[in-house]
């Protein structure tokens, strides 16, 4: 697990954005060389953390652009941490 990124989600994102964890367990959805995806259960539904290698760190910007410019059906990014990718 990528502990700093998970700690960031739990301690900063969930707290600052008003999500309340319903469980203290982090579920690994996917883990491979090009990304790791984790799921957190909150009072407002699931929140996902996708951690990617630095070489792919533009993915959040591309995702937002895809939604805004091309109306693509992509997830909404609620936070981005460029230092943790």
PDB file of N, CA and C in Angstrom:
ATOM      1  N   UNK A   1       0.831  -1.190   0.000  1.00  0.00           N
ATOM      2  CA  UNK A   1       0.000   0.000   0.000  1.00  0.00           C
ATOM      3  C   UNK A   1       0.871   1.247   0.000  1.00  0.00           C
ATOM      4  N   UNK A   2       0.336   2.291  -0.534  1.00  0.00           N
ATOM      5  CA  UNK A   2       1.043   3.567  -0.603  1.00  0.00           C
ATOM      6  C   UNK A   2       0.584   4.432   0.560  1.00  0.00           C
ATOM      7  N   UNK A   3       1.174   4.189   1.706  1.00  0.00           N
ATOM      8  CA  UNK A   3       0.732   4.793   2.965  1.00  0.00           C
ATOM      9  C   UNK A   3       0.632   6.317   2.946  1.00  0.00           C
ATOM     10  N   UNK A   4       1.605   7.065   2.426  1.00  0.00           N
ATOM     11  CA  UNK A   4       1.446   8.532   2.446  1.00  0.00           C
ATOM     12  C   UNK A   4       0.210   9.009   1.694  1.00  0.00           C
ATOM     13  N   UNK A   5      -0.092   8.406   0.559  1.00  0.00           N
ATOM     14  CA  UNK A   5      -1.267   8.815  -0.212  1.00  0.00           C
ATOM     15  C   UNK A   5      -2.557   8.443   0.519  1.00  0.00           C
ATOM     16  N   UNK A   6      -2.583   7.284   1.137  1.00  0.00           N
ATOM     17  CA  UNK A   6      -3.769   6.865   1.889  1.00  0.00           C
ATOM     18  C   UNK A   6      -3.969   7.768   3.103  1.00  0.00           C
ATOM     19  N   UNK A   7      -2.893   8.086   3.792  1.00  0.00           N
ATOM     20  CA  UNK A   7      -2.984   9.017   4.920  1.00  0.00           C
ATOM     21  C   UNK A   7      -3.498  10.378   4.463  1.00  0.00           C
ATOM     22  N   UNK A   8      -3.047  10.824   3.309  1.00  0.00           N
ATOM     23  CA  UNK A   8      -3.516  12.104   2.751  1.00  0.00           C
ATOM     24  C   UNK A   8      -5.028  12.077   2.546  1.00  0.00           C
ATOM     25  N   UNK A   9      -5.531  10.994   1.987  1.00  0.00           N
ATOM     26  CA  UNK A   9      -6.976  10.886   1.767  1.00  0.00           C
ATOM     27  C   UNK A   9      -7.722  10.909   3.099  1.00  0.00           C
ATOM     28  N   UNK A  10      -7.303  10.100   4.018  1.00  0.00           N
ATOM     29  CA  UNK A  10      -8.013   9.981   5.300  1.00  0.00           C
ATOM     30  C   UNK A  10      -7.907  11.258   6.130  1.00  0.00           C
ATOM     31  N   UNK A  11      -6.721  11.798   6.263  1.00  0.00           N
ATOM     32  CA  UNK A  11      -6.496  12.921   7.171  1.00  0.00           C
ATOM     33  C   UNK A  11      -6.795  14.288   6.575  1.00  0.00           C
ATOM     34  N   UNK A  12      -6.666  14.427   5.287  1.00  0.00           N
ATOM     35  CA  UNK A  12      -6.847  15.736   4.674  1.00  0.00           C
ATOM     36  C   UNK A  12      -8.137  15.790   3.860  1.00  0.00           C
ATOM     37  N   UNK A  13      -8.253  14.953   2.876  1.00  0.00           N
ATOM     38  CA  UNK A  13      -9.375  15.043   1.942  1.00  0.00           C
ATOM     39  C   UNK A  13     -10.699  14.750   2.614  1.00  0.00           C
ATOM     40  N   UNK A  14     -10.820  13.627   3.275  1.00  0.00           N
ATOM     41  CA  UNK A  14     -12.109  13.286   3.886  1.00  0.00           C
ATOM     42  C   UNK A  14     -12.508  14.324   4.920  1.00  0.00           C
ATOM     43  N   UNK A  15     -11.579  14.743   5.739  1.00  0.00           N
ATOM     44  CA  UNK A  15     -11.875  15.722   6.788  1.00  0.00           C
ATOM     45  C   UNK A  15     -12.192  17.092   6.197  1.00  0.00           C
ATOM     46  N   UNK A  16     -11.334  17.593   5.328  1.00  0.00           N
ATOM     47  CA  UNK A  16     -11.500  18.934   4.770  1.00  0.00           C
ATOM     48  C   UNK A  16     -12.735  19.067   3.884  1.00  0.00           C
ATOM     49  N   UNK A  17     -13.098  18.026   3.196  1.00  0.00           N
ATOM     50  CA  UNK A  17     -14.236  18.099   2.281  1.00  0.00           C
ATOM     51  C   UNK A  17     -15.547  17.640   2.909  1.00  0.00           C
ATOM     52  N   UNK A  18     -15.500  17.257   4.170  1.00  0.00           N
ATOM     53  CA  UNK A  18     -16.724  16.916   4.884  1.00  0.00           C
ATOM     54  C   UNK A  18     -17.229  15.501   4.689  1.00  0.00           C
ATOM     55  N   UNK A  19     -16.391  14.624   4.212  1.00  0.00           N
ATOM     56  CA  UNK A  19     -16.762  13.206   4.112  1.00  0.00           C
ATOM     57  C   UNK A  19     -16.402  12.535   5.429  1.00  0.00           C
ATOM     58  N   UNK A  20     -17.235  11.642   5.889  1.00  0.00           N
ATOM     59  CA  UNK A  20     -16.975  10.945   7.140  1.00  0.00           C
ATOM     60  C   UNK A  20     -16.828   9.454   6.857  1.00  0.00           C
ATOM     61  N   UNK A  21     -15.662   8.895   7.164  1.00  0.00           N
ATOM     62  CA  UNK A  21     -15.449   7.469   6.901  1.00  0.00           C
ATOM     63  C   UNK A  21     -16.451   6.601   7.647  1.00  0.00           C
ATOM     64  N   UNK A  22     -16.994   5.630   6.955  1.00  0.00           N
ATOM     65  CA  UNK A  22     -17.920   4.666   7.556  1.00  0.00           C
ATOM     66  C   UNK A  22     -17.170   3.413   8.001  1.00  0.00           C
ATOM     67  N   UNK A  23     -15.926   3.292   7.607  1.00  0.00           N
ATOM     68  CA  UNK A  23     -15.106   2.135   7.938  1.00  0.00           C
ATOM     69  C   UNK A  23     -13.653   2.591   8.022  1.00  0.00           C
ATOM     70  N   UNK A  24     -12.878   1.912   8.831  1.00  0.00           N
ATOM     71  CA  UNK A  24     -11.460   2.245   8.904  1.00  0.00           C
ATOM     72  C   UNK A  24     -10.648   1.373   7.953  1.00  0.00           C
ATOM     73  N   UNK A  25     -11.329   0.609   7.147  1.00  0.00           N
ATOM     74  CA  UNK A  25     -10.655  -0.291   6.213  1.00  0.00           C
ATOM     75  C   UNK A  25     -10.526   0.356   4.840  1.00  0.00           C
ATOM     76  N   UNK A  26      -9.361   0.193   4.234  1.00  0.00           N
ATOM     77  CA  UNK A  26      -9.104   0.644   2.878  1.00  0.00           C
ATOM     78  C   UNK A  26      -9.091  -0.584   1.983  1.00  0.00           C
ATOM     79  N   UNK A  27      -9.886  -0.570   0.938  1.00  0.00           N
ATOM     80  CA  UNK A  27      -9.960  -1.704   0.016  1.00  0.00           C
ATOM     81  C   UNK A  27      -9.066  -1.448  -1.188  1.00  0.00           C
ATOM     82  N   UNK A  28      -8.273  -2.432  -1.552  1.00  0.00           N
ATOM     83  CA  UNK A  28      -7.459  -2.354  -2.757  1.00  0.00           C
ATOM     84  C   UNK A  28      -8.333  -2.833  -3.907  1.00  0.00           C
ATOM     85  N   UNK A  29      -8.608  -1.949  -4.845  1.00  0.00           N
ATOM     86  CA  UNK A  29      -9.426  -2.291  -6.005  1.00  0.00           C
ATOM     87  C   UNK A  29      -8.542  -2.849  -7.104  1.00  0.00           C
ATOM     88  N   UNK A  30      -7.383  -2.225  -7.289  1.00  0.00           N
ATOM     89  CA  UNK A  30      -6.467  -2.629  -8.350  1.00  0.00           C
ATOM     90  C   UNK A  30      -5.062  -2.223  -7.959  1.00  0.00           C
ATOM     91  N   UNK A  31      -4.104  -3.059  -8.263  1.00  0.00           N
ATOM     92  CA  UNK A  31      -2.708  -2.708  -8.019  1.00  0.00           C
ATOM     93  C   UNK A  31      -1.853  -3.337  -9.109  1.00  0.00           C
ATOM     94  N   UNK A  32      -1.259  -2.485  -9.929  1.00  0.00           N
ATOM     95  CA  UNK A  32      -0.370  -2.948 -10.980  1.00  0.00           C
ATOM     96  C   UNK A  32       0.686  -1.864 -11.228  1.00  0.00           C
ATOM     97  N   UNK A  33       1.632  -2.073 -12.121  1.00  0.00           N
ATOM     98  CA  UNK A  33       2.717  -1.097 -12.292  1.00  0.00           C
ATOM     99  C   UNK A  33       2.266   0.295 -12.742  1.00  0.00           C
ATOM    100  N   UNK A  34       1.144   0.424 -13.435  1.00  0.00           N
ATOM    101  CA  UNK A  34       0.743   1.732 -13.947  1.00  0.00           C
ATOM    102  C   UNK A  34      -0.278   2.453 -13.077  1.00  0.00           C
ATOM    103  N   UNK A  35      -0.846   1.799 -12.086  1.00  0.00           N
ATOM    104  CA  UNK A  35      -1.726   2.508 -11.150  1.00  0.00           C
ATOM    105  C   UNK A  35      -2.145   1.598 -10.005  1.00  0.00           C
ATOM    106  N   UNK A  36      -2.475   2.245  -8.915  1.00  0.00           N
ATOM    107  CA  UNK A  36      -3.077   1.547  -7.775  1.00  0.00           C
ATOM    108  C   UNK A  36      -4.342   2.310  -7.429  1.00  0.00           C
ATOM    109  N   UNK A  37      -5.421   1.576  -7.215  1.00  0.00           N
ATOM    110  CA  UNK A  37      -6.708   2.190  -6.902  1.00  0.00           C
ATOM    111  C   UNK A  37      -7.200   1.641  -5.571  1.00  0.00           C
ATOM    112  N   UNK A  38      -7.603   2.559  -4.693  1.00  0.00           N
ATOM    113  CA  UNK A  38      -8.098   2.201  -3.368  1.00  0.00           C
ATOM    114  C   UNK A  38      -9.493   2.786  -3.192  1.00  0.00           C
ATOM    115  N   UNK A  39     -10.309   2.101  -2.411  1.00  0.00           N
ATOM    116  CA  UNK A  39     -11.690   2.540  -2.173  1.00  0.00           C
ATOM    117  C   UNK A  39     -11.912   2.776  -0.692  1.00  0.00           C
ATOM    118  N   UNK A  40     -12.590   3.888  -0.396  1.00  0.00           N
ATOM    119  CA  UNK A  40     -12.922   4.269   0.973  1.00  0.00           C
ATOM    120  C   UNK A  40     -14.437   4.431   1.057  1.00  0.00           C
ATOM    121  N   UNK A  41     -15.066   3.821   2.040  1.00  0.00           N
ATOM    122  CA  UNK A  41     -16.501   3.977   2.252  1.00  0.00           C
ATOM    123  C   UNK A  41     -16.733   5.178   3.159  1.00  0.00           C
ATOM    124  N   UNK A  42     -17.554   6.127   2.695  1.00  0.00           N
ATOM    125  CA  UNK A  42     -17.871   7.313   3.483  1.00  0.00           C
ATOM    126  C   UNK A  42     -19.389   7.434   3.628  1.00  0.00           C
ATOM    127  N   UNK A  43     -19.806   8.396   4.421  1.00  0.00           N
ATOM    128  CA  UNK A  43     -21.234   8.646   4.604  1.00  0.00           C
ATOM    129  C   UNK A  43     -21.894   9.176   3.329  1.00  0.00           C
ATOM    130  N   UNK A  44     -21.092   9.584   2.346  1.00  0.00           N
ATOM    131  CA  UNK A  44     -21.627  10.092   1.085  1.00  0.00           C
ATOM    132  C   UNK A  44     -21.362   9.136  -0.078  1.00  0.00           C
ATOM    133  N   UNK A  45     -21.000   7.923   0.242  1.00  0.00           N
ATOM    134  CA  UNK A  45     -20.705   6.928  -0.789  1.00  0.00           C
ATOM    135  C   UNK A  45     -19.225   6.617  -0.839  1.00  0.00           C
ATOM    136  N   UNK A  46     -18.830   5.972  -1.901  1.00  0.00           N
ATOM    137  CA  UNK A  46     -17.437   5.575  -2.046  1.00  0.00           C
ATOM    138  C   UNK A  46     -16.591   6.724  -2.596  1.00  0.00           C
ATOM    139  N   UNK A  47     -15.362   6.814  -2.083  1.00  0.00           N
ATOM    140  CA  UNK A  47     -14.342   7.710  -2.593  1.00  0.00           C
ATOM    141  C   UNK A  47     -13.205   6.807  -3.053  1.00  0.00           C
ATOM    142  N   UNK A  48     -12.651   7.108  -4.213  1.00  0.00           N
ATOM    143  CA  UNK A  48     -11.559   6.313  -4.753  1.00  0.00           C
ATOM    144  C   UNK A  48     -10.281   7.143  -4.820  1.00  0.00           C
ATOM    145  N   UNK A  49      -9.185   6.510  -4.506  1.00  0.00           N
ATOM    146  CA  UNK A  49      -7.860   7.096  -4.665  1.00  0.00           C
ATOM    147  C   UNK A  49      -7.175   6.322  -5.779  1.00  0.00           C
ATOM    148  N   UNK A  50      -6.711   7.051  -6.784  1.00  0.00           N
ATOM    149  CA  UNK A  50      -5.918   6.414  -7.836  1.00  0.00           C
ATOM    150  C   UNK A  50      -4.534   7.026  -7.783  1.00  0.00           C
ATOM    151  N   UNK A  51      -3.547   6.191  -7.522  1.00  0.00           N
ATOM    152  CA  UNK A  51      -2.167   6.658  -7.487  1.00  0.00           C
ATOM    153  C   UNK A  51      -1.456   6.123  -8.722  1.00  0.00           C
ATOM    154  N   UNK A  52      -0.787   7.033  -9.416  1.00  0.00           N
ATOM    155  CA  UNK A  52      -0.150   6.701 -10.682  1.00  0.00           C
ATOM    156  C   UNK A  52       1.327   7.074 -10.631  1.00  0.00           C
ATOM    157  N   UNK A  53       2.147   6.502 -11.519  1.00  0.00           N
ATOM    158  CA  UNK A  53       3.561   6.886 -11.551  1.00  0.00           C
ATOM    159  C   UNK A  53       3.712   8.343 -11.981  1.00  0.00           C
ATOM    160  N   UNK A  54       4.820   8.930 -11.614  1.00  0.00           N
ATOM    161  CA  UNK A  54       5.063  10.330 -11.934  1.00  0.00           C
ATOM    162  C   UNK A  54       4.958  10.592 -13.442  1.00  0.00           C
ATOM    163  N   UNK A  55       5.379   9.652 -14.258  1.00  0.00           N
ATOM    164  CA  UNK A  55       5.327   9.825 -15.711  1.00  0.00           C
ATOM    165  C   UNK A  55       3.900  10.003 -16.225  1.00  0.00           C
ATOM    166  N   UNK A  56       2.916   9.534 -15.477  1.00  0.00           N
ATOM    167  CA  UNK A  56       1.509   9.660 -15.877  1.00  0.00           C
ATOM    168  C   UNK A  56       0.765  10.711 -15.064  1.00  0.00           C
ATOM    169  N   UNK A  57       1.490  11.565 -14.388  1.00  0.00           N
ATOM    170  CA  UNK A  57       0.862  12.471 -13.422  1.00  0.00           C
ATOM    171  C   UNK A  57      -0.044  13.534 -14.031  1.00  0.00           C
ATOM    172  N   UNK A  58      -0.123  13.618 -15.333  1.00  0.00           N
ATOM    173  CA  UNK A  58      -1.062  14.546 -15.969  1.00  0.00           C
ATOM    174  C   UNK A  58      -2.470  13.957 -16.100  1.00  0.00           C
ATOM    175  N   UNK A  59      -2.640  12.723 -15.719  1.00  0.00           N
ATOM    176  CA  UNK A  59      -3.945  12.067 -15.878  1.00  0.00           C
ATOM    177  C   UNK A  59      -5.106  12.856 -15.273  1.00  0.00           C
ATOM    178  N   UNK A  60      -4.986  13.428 -14.065  1.00  0.00           N
ATOM    179  CA  UNK A  60      -6.125  14.195 -13.534  1.00  0.00           C
ATOM    180  C   UNK A  60      -6.519  15.377 -14.425  1.00  0.00           C
ATOM    181  N   UNK A  61      -5.540  16.052 -14.994  1.00  0.00           N
ATOM    182  CA  UNK A  61      -5.838  17.177 -15.883  1.00  0.00           C
ATOM    183  C   UNK A  61      -6.506  16.696 -17.170  1.00  0.00           C
ATOM    184  N   UNK A  62      -6.038  15.574 -17.698  1.00  0.00           N
ATOM    185  CA  UNK A  62      -6.635  15.003 -18.904  1.00  0.00           C
ATOM    186  C   UNK A  62      -8.068  14.543 -18.616  1.00  0.00           C
ATOM    187  N   UNK A  63      -8.289  13.975 -17.455  1.00  0.00           N
ATOM    188  CA  UNK A  63      -9.637  13.545 -17.068  1.00  0.00           C
ATOM    189  C   UNK A  63     -10.579  14.736 -16.996  1.00  0.00           C
ATOM    190  N   UNK A  64     -10.155  15.815 -16.340  1.00  0.00           N
ATOM    191  CA  UNK A  64     -10.985  17.020 -16.261  1.00  0.00           C
ATOM    192  C   UNK A  64     -11.237  17.606 -17.649  1.00  0.00           C
ATOM    193  N   UNK A  65     -10.221  17.668 -18.469  1.00  0.00           N
ATOM    194  CA  UNK A  65     -10.363  18.189 -19.822  1.00  0.00           C
ATOM    195  C   UNK A  65     -11.346  17.343 -20.630  1.00  0.00           C
ATOM    196  N   UNK A  66     -11.238  16.038 -20.496  1.00  0.00           N
ATOM    197  CA  UNK A  66     -12.149  15.135 -21.212  1.00  0.00           C
ATOM    198  C   UNK A  66     -13.604  15.388 -20.829  1.00  0.00           C
ATOM    199  N   UNK A  67     -13.836  15.617 -19.537  1.00  0.00           N
ATOM    200  CA  UNK A  67     -15.205  15.881 -19.071  1.00  0.00           C
ATOM    201  C   UNK A  67     -15.679  17.255 -19.537  1.00  0.00           C
ATOM    202  N   UNK A  68     -14.838  18.261 -19.356  1.00  0.00           N
ATOM    203  CA  UNK A  68     -15.242  19.642 -19.637  1.00  0.00           C
ATOM    204  C   UNK A  68     -15.341  19.954 -21.130  1.00  0.00           C
ATOM    205  N   UNK A  69     -14.403  19.461 -21.912  1.00  0.00           N
ATOM    206  CA  UNK A  69     -14.368  19.800 -23.342  1.00  0.00           C
ATOM    207  C   UNK A  69     -15.135  18.824 -24.228  1.00  0.00           C
ATOM    208  N   UNK A  70     -15.135  17.546 -23.836  1.00  0.00           N
ATOM    209  CA  UNK A  70     -15.712  16.528 -24.703  1.00  0.00           C
ATOM    210  C   UNK A  70     -16.899  15.805 -24.080  1.00  0.00           C
ATOM    211  N   UNK A  71     -17.306  16.268 -22.891  1.00  0.00           N
ATOM    212  CA  UNK A  71     -18.457  15.709 -22.186  1.00  0.00           C
ATOM    213  C   UNK A  71     -18.338  14.195 -21.980  1.00  0.00           C
ATOM    214  N   UNK A  72     -17.102  13.757 -21.761  1.00  0.00           N
ATOM    215  CA  UNK A  72     -16.846  12.333 -21.532  1.00  0.00           C
ATOM    216  C   UNK A  72     -17.397  11.923 -20.175  1.00  0.00           C
ATOM    217  N   UNK A  73     -17.839  10.697 -20.087  1.00  0.00           N
ATOM    218  CA  UNK A  73     -18.353  10.144 -18.841  1.00  0.00           C
ATOM    219  C   UNK A  73     -17.170   9.615 -18.031  1.00  0.00           C
ATOM    220  N   UNK A  74     -16.545  10.508 -17.267  1.00  0.00           N
ATOM    221  CA  UNK A  74     -15.372  10.173 -16.462  1.00  0.00           C
ATOM    222  C   UNK A  74     -15.646  10.555 -15.013  1.00  0.00           C
ATOM    223  N   UNK A  75     -14.896   9.999 -14.083  1.00  0.00           N
ATOM    224  CA  UNK A  75     -15.107  10.341 -12.670  1.00  0.00           C
ATOM    225  C   UNK A  75     -14.816  11.813 -12.391  1.00  0.00           C
ATOM    226  N   UNK A  76     -15.476  12.344 -11.382  1.00  0.00           N
ATOM    227  CA  UNK A  76     -15.208  13.695 -10.921  1.00  0.00           C
ATOM    228  C   UNK A  76     -14.028  13.658  -9.965  1.00  0.00           C
ATOM    229  N   UNK A  77     -13.050  14.476 -10.210  1.00  0.00           N
ATOM    230  CA  UNK A  77     -11.874  14.545  -9.346  1.00  0.00           C
ATOM    231  C   UNK A  77     -12.153  15.571  -8.268  1.00  0.00           C
ATOM    232  N   UNK A  78     -12.141  15.127  -7.011  1.00  0.00           N
ATOM    233  CA  UNK A  78     -12.436  16.050  -5.912  1.00  0.00           C
ATOM    234  C   UNK A  78     -11.172  16.643  -5.312  1.00  0.00           C
ATOM    235  N   UNK A  79     -10.015  16.032  -5.578  1.00  0.00           N
ATOM    236  CA  UNK A  79      -8.743  16.553  -5.081  1.00  0.00           C
ATOM    237  C   UNK A  79      -7.606  15.923  -5.851  1.00  0.00           C
ATOM    238  N   UNK A  80      -6.490  16.620  -5.881  1.00  0.00           N
ATOM    239  CA  UNK A  80      -5.321  16.149  -6.600  1.00  0.00           C
ATOM    240  C   UNK A  80      -4.080  16.518  -5.777  1.00  0.00           C
ATOM    241  N   UNK A  81      -3.173  15.587  -5.648  1.00  0.00           N
ATOM    242  CA  UNK A  81      -1.926  15.842  -4.931  1.00  0.00           C
ATOM    243  C   UNK A  81      -0.771  15.499  -5.864  1.00  0.00           C
ATOM    244  N   UNK A  82      -0.221  16.507  -6.511  1.00  0.00           N
ATOM    245  CA  UNK A  82       0.843  16.287  -7.488  1.00  0.00           C
ATOM    246  C   UNK A  82       2.100  15.682  -6.851  1.00  0.00           C
ATOM    247  N   UNK A  83       2.354  15.973  -5.575  1.00  0.00           N
ATOM    248  CA  UNK A  83       3.541  15.422  -4.914  1.00  0.00           C
ATOM    249  C   UNK A  83       3.440  13.912  -4.726  1.00  0.00           C
ATOM    250  N   UNK A  84       2.218  13.421  -4.512  1.00  0.00           N
ATOM    251  CA  UNK A  84       2.025  11.970  -4.299  1.00  0.00           C
ATOM    252  C   UNK A  84       1.517  11.251  -5.549  1.00  0.00           C
ATOM    253  N   UNK A  85       1.303  11.995  -6.621  1.00  0.00           N
ATOM    254  CA  UNK A  85       0.827  11.467  -7.907  1.00  0.00           C
ATOM    255  C   UNK A  85      -0.512  10.795  -7.753  1.00  0.00           C
TER     256      UNK A  85
END
